[in-house]
Each structure stands twice: as C-alpha cells, then as structure tokens.
Amino acid sequence: MNTINLSNRYDGDFVRGVEEESGQKVSLCYQCGNCTAGCPFSFAYDFPVNQVMRLVQAGQKDTVLGCKSIWLCGTCESCTTRCPNNIDVARVMDVLRHMARREGRVAEPQIKQFWDTFLSSVQAHGRVFEVGLLAGFITKTGRFWTDVDLGPLIAPKGKLSLRPHNIKGKAEVERIFERFLKGEAS
C-alpha cells in the first residue's frame, strides 16, 4: 500500500484543468469505492481508482500524473457505470493520461508506445491494421520474442490480414486527428 502525502501543495489550477477538460465535477466524488470495486485492472494499479479521484480533488498533480494507474486504465467504463454521482470517471482517467502526455510524464513507457503505435495505425488507415500494430510495437519496444508462441495459434484463423484495409470515411478520421493536433499545439 502506498502512503500519500497530502501536505504537498494544493494545485487548484490542476483541479480546474481536469474539470474543464473532462467536463466532470470531481468534487462530487465522496469516495464510495464503487469505481474501484468494479475495476477489472485494480489489481495492477499503484493507486486504486477512488484514490486517483481523491488525489485529483486534493490537487496532487505530481502524484496523479506520475502514477501507473492512469496508464493501465482500459477505459472500460465500469467505474463510470457504477458511480452513484454520475461522474464519468473513465473520462477523467483519459484526461489525466492526456495531461501526462502533454507534460512528458509517462509512468508506463510500453503502454505509451502501444498507444502511439495504435493511434498511428488508425491515423494512417482509418482503423487498426493489426499486423502493422504488432510490427510497430515490437520494433519500438524490442520485445521480439514475447508472445511469439501465439503466432501459430492466430495465423490459421485468417483474422490477421498482411495488408492494411482502408475504411470508408477515412477523411473524417483524418480530420479528427488534425483537430486533435491543432488543439495539442495551442
């Protein structure tokens, strides 16, 4: 269990930033623990979901943006569904990841590498090109032999195309990325 030092400086700008960017009122969280109880990834977190929410409420920017939990969140929305105050907790976690990325704080580099590779694939093809995603991730991480035993199990199923397939509406996806990149630059 981690000890959290709440005597660190309260960062009100951080709290306001999270609320503005997420559209959620984090002060409504009263620590019922439903989000943590429903989270399938809590076992791997350094701070359970409700503690992340409490750290945000307490304005503990450095602790929150430096924790592993925000990177391990699968955005499954179990927390959001269970929240009695209708807080979109998954959205808050997503915003925290974006904030950490903008500040260059990455507690889980391989997860960030996976995200970057995934988003590059979607940007290029309008959808994920799985083989390209796999190749890109392996190249970035150097994990050449990890999960190699799964190849013979997956290949015969014919689910992985060796060539990318573009989608209809690819231009709309490109515009989403353009808007995101413009927003990140400002």
Protein backbone atom coordinates (compact mmCIF):
# COMPACT_ATOMS: atom_id res chain seq x y z
CA MET A 1 0.00 0.00 0.00
CA ASN A 2 1.29 3.45 -0.92
CA THR A 3 1.40 6.27 1.58
CA ILE A 4 0.11 9.50 0.11
CA ASN A 5 1.49 12.74 1.47
CA LEU A 6 -1.37 15.22 1.19
CA SER A 7 0.70 18.01 2.72
CA ASN A 8 2.14 18.69 -0.73
CA ARG A 9 0.98 21.94 -2.27
CA TYR A 10 -2.64 22.00 -3.46
CA ASP A 11 -2.70 22.81 -7.19
CA GLY A 12 -6.06 24.44 -7.85
CA ASP A 13 -5.17 25.07 -11.49
CA PHE A 14 -4.71 21.33 -11.95
CA VAL A 15 -8.11 20.55 -10.42
CA ARG A 16 -9.81 23.21 -12.57
CA GLY A 17 -7.97 21.93 -15.64
CA VAL A 18 -9.13 18.35 -15.06
CA GLU A 19 -12.71 19.53 -14.52
CA GLU A 20 -12.72 21.76 -17.58
CA GLU A 21 -11.12 19.23 -19.91
CA SER A 22 -13.22 16.30 -18.70
CA GLY A 23 -16.46 18.19 -18.18
CA GLN A 24 -16.77 16.42 -14.81
CA LYS A 25 -17.10 17.87 -11.30
CA VAL A 26 -14.55 15.81 -9.36
CA SER A 27 -15.63 17.37 -6.06
CA LEU A 28 -18.84 15.28 -6.31
CA CYS A 29 -16.83 12.11 -5.63
CA TYR A 30 -17.39 11.08 -2.00
CA GLN A 31 -15.11 8.04 -2.07
CA CYS A 32 -17.77 5.33 -2.01
CA GLY A 33 -15.33 2.94 -3.69
CA ASN A 34 -17.77 1.61 -6.30
CA CYS A 35 -15.37 2.57 -9.10
CA THR A 36 -12.54 0.61 -7.53
CA ALA A 37 -14.79 -2.38 -6.74
CA GLY A 38 -15.86 -2.64 -10.38
CA CYS A 39 -12.48 -2.01 -11.98
CA PRO A 40 -11.01 -5.14 -13.60
CA PHE A 41 -7.49 -3.67 -13.52
CA SER A 42 -7.31 -2.52 -9.87
CA PHE A 43 -5.02 -5.42 -9.01
CA ALA A 44 -2.27 -3.82 -11.13
CA TYR A 45 -2.73 -0.19 -10.07
CA ASP A 46 -0.41 1.67 -7.75
CA PHE A 47 -3.43 3.78 -6.68
CA PRO A 48 -6.98 2.40 -6.94
CA VAL A 49 -9.41 4.49 -8.99
CA ASN A 50 -11.09 6.12 -5.98
CA GLN A 51 -7.67 7.18 -4.66
CA VAL A 52 -6.79 8.70 -8.04
CA MET A 53 -10.03 10.68 -7.82
CA ARG A 54 -9.16 11.75 -4.25
CA LEU A 55 -5.68 12.82 -5.33
CA VAL A 56 -7.22 14.93 -8.09
CA GLN A 57 -9.61 16.50 -5.55
CA ALA A 58 -6.61 17.23 -3.31
CA GLY A 59 -4.78 18.92 -6.17
CA GLN A 60 -1.87 16.48 -6.08
CA LYS A 61 -0.82 16.96 -9.70
CA ASP A 62 2.65 15.41 -9.48
CA THR A 63 1.42 12.26 -7.76
CA VAL A 64 -1.52 11.79 -10.13
CA LEU A 65 0.34 12.45 -13.38
CA GLY A 66 3.24 10.27 -12.22
CA CYS A 67 1.18 7.23 -11.24
CA LYS A 68 0.89 3.99 -13.22
CA SER A 69 -2.85 3.69 -12.72
CA ILE A 70 -3.82 6.28 -15.34
CA TRP A 71 -1.77 4.37 -17.94
CA LEU A 72 -3.15 0.96 -17.02
CA CYS A 73 -6.80 2.07 -17.18
CA GLY A 74 -8.52 0.24 -20.03
CA THR A 75 -11.32 2.82 -20.26
CA CYS A 76 -13.86 0.00 -19.95
CA GLU A 77 -16.18 2.44 -18.14
CA SER A 78 -17.07 0.05 -15.32
CA CYS A 79 -16.20 2.89 -12.93
CA THR A 80 -18.44 5.33 -14.79
CA THR A 81 -21.35 2.89 -14.83
CA ARG A 82 -21.07 2.26 -11.09
CA CYS A 83 -20.68 5.90 -9.97
CA PRO A 84 -23.72 6.97 -7.88
CA ASN A 85 -22.97 10.64 -8.70
CA ASN A 86 -22.84 10.08 -12.46
CA ILE A 87 -19.20 11.12 -12.72
CA ASP A 88 -17.61 9.89 -15.93
CA VAL A 89 -14.59 8.54 -14.09
CA ALA A 90 -13.21 6.88 -17.23
CA ARG A 91 -13.25 10.28 -18.93
CA VAL A 92 -11.30 11.77 -16.01
CA MET A 93 -8.71 8.99 -16.30
CA ASP A 94 -8.46 9.64 -20.04
CA VAL A 95 -7.93 13.37 -19.44
CA LEU A 96 -5.23 12.59 -16.88
CA ARG A 97 -3.40 10.48 -19.48
CA HIS A 98 -3.60 13.33 -21.98
CA MET A 99 -2.28 15.77 -19.39
CA ALA A 100 0.58 13.44 -18.51
CA ARG A 101 1.45 13.01 -22.21
CA ARG A 102 1.50 16.76 -22.78
CA GLU A 103 3.89 17.18 -19.86
CA GLY A 104 6.09 14.27 -20.91
CA ARG A 105 5.26 12.20 -17.83
CA VAL A 106 4.93 8.56 -18.70
CA ALA A 107 4.92 6.05 -15.84
CA GLU A 108 4.37 3.10 -18.20
CA PRO A 109 6.54 3.61 -21.33
CA GLN A 110 5.44 0.40 -23.06
CA ILE A 111 1.79 1.34 -22.73
CA LYS A 112 2.54 4.76 -24.21
CA GLN A 113 4.45 3.07 -27.04
CA PHE A 114 1.47 0.82 -27.69
CA TRP A 115 -0.90 3.83 -27.68
CA ASP A 116 1.35 5.77 -30.06
CA THR A 117 1.60 2.80 -32.43
CA PHE A 118 -2.16 2.18 -32.25
CA LEU A 119 -3.00 5.81 -32.99
CA SER A 120 -0.51 5.94 -35.87
CA SER A 121 -2.22 2.92 -37.40
CA VAL A 122 -5.68 4.47 -37.05
CA GLN A 123 -4.42 7.76 -38.45
CA ALA A 124 -2.86 6.03 -41.46
CA HIS A 125 -5.70 3.63 -42.30
CA GLY A 126 -8.82 4.90 -40.57
CA ARG A 127 -8.81 1.73 -38.48
CA VAL A 128 -6.25 -0.50 -36.81
CA PHE A 129 -4.03 -2.59 -39.06
CA GLU A 130 -3.27 -5.35 -36.56
CA VAL A 131 -0.15 -6.80 -38.17
CA GLY A 132 1.26 -3.30 -38.60
CA LEU A 133 0.42 -2.51 -34.99
CA LEU A 134 2.19 -5.65 -33.85
CA ALA A 135 5.26 -4.95 -36.01
CA GLY A 136 5.44 -1.31 -34.91
CA PHE A 137 5.09 -2.16 -31.23
CA ILE A 138 7.73 -4.91 -31.42
CA THR A 139 10.10 -2.54 -33.21
CA LYS A 140 9.61 0.25 -30.65
CA THR A 141 9.93 -1.99 -27.60
CA GLY A 142 12.45 -4.55 -28.81
CA ARG A 143 10.21 -7.33 -27.49
CA PHE A 144 10.84 -9.62 -30.44
CA TRP A 145 10.28 -12.96 -28.72
CA THR A 146 7.47 -12.01 -26.37
CA ASP A 147 4.28 -13.85 -27.28
CA VAL A 148 5.91 -15.45 -30.33
CA ASP A 149 4.21 -18.70 -29.33
CA LEU A 150 0.82 -17.11 -30.12
CA GLY A 151 1.61 -16.69 -33.85
CA PRO A 152 0.91 -20.30 -34.84
CA LEU A 153 -2.38 -20.18 -32.91
CA ILE A 154 -3.59 -16.94 -34.54
CA ALA A 155 -2.43 -17.37 -38.14
CA PRO A 156 -4.67 -20.32 -39.14
CA LYS A 157 -7.79 -18.41 -38.09
CA GLY A 158 -7.30 -16.00 -41.01
CA LYS A 159 -8.19 -13.00 -38.87
CA LEU A 160 -4.97 -11.07 -39.44
CA SER A 161 -4.54 -9.59 -42.88
CA LEU A 162 -0.99 -8.97 -44.05
CA ARG A 163 -2.14 -5.84 -45.89
CA PRO A 164 -3.93 -2.84 -44.38
CA HIS A 165 -7.51 -2.11 -45.38
CA ASN A 166 -8.63 1.50 -45.52
CA ILE A 167 -12.17 2.34 -44.49
CA LYS A 168 -14.91 4.44 -45.97
CA GLY A 169 -14.86 7.78 -44.18
CA LYS A 170 -11.09 7.80 -43.79
CA ALA A 171 -11.10 11.55 -44.48
CA GLU A 172 -13.31 12.11 -41.41
CA VAL A 173 -10.87 10.19 -39.24
CA GLU A 174 -8.01 12.29 -40.63
CA ARG A 175 -9.92 15.46 -39.69
CA ILE A 176 -10.29 14.17 -36.12
CA PHE A 177 -6.52 13.77 -35.91
CA GLU A 178 -5.98 17.23 -37.43
CA ARG A 179 -8.30 18.82 -34.83
CA PHE A 180 -6.53 16.95 -32.05
CA LEU A 181 -3.09 18.01 -33.24
CA LYS A 182 -4.21 21.65 -33.56
CA GLY A 183 -5.57 21.53 -30.00
CA GLU A 184 -2.36 19.99 -28.71
CA ALA A 185 -0.28 22.73 -30.38
CA SER A 186 -2.26 25.55 -28.74
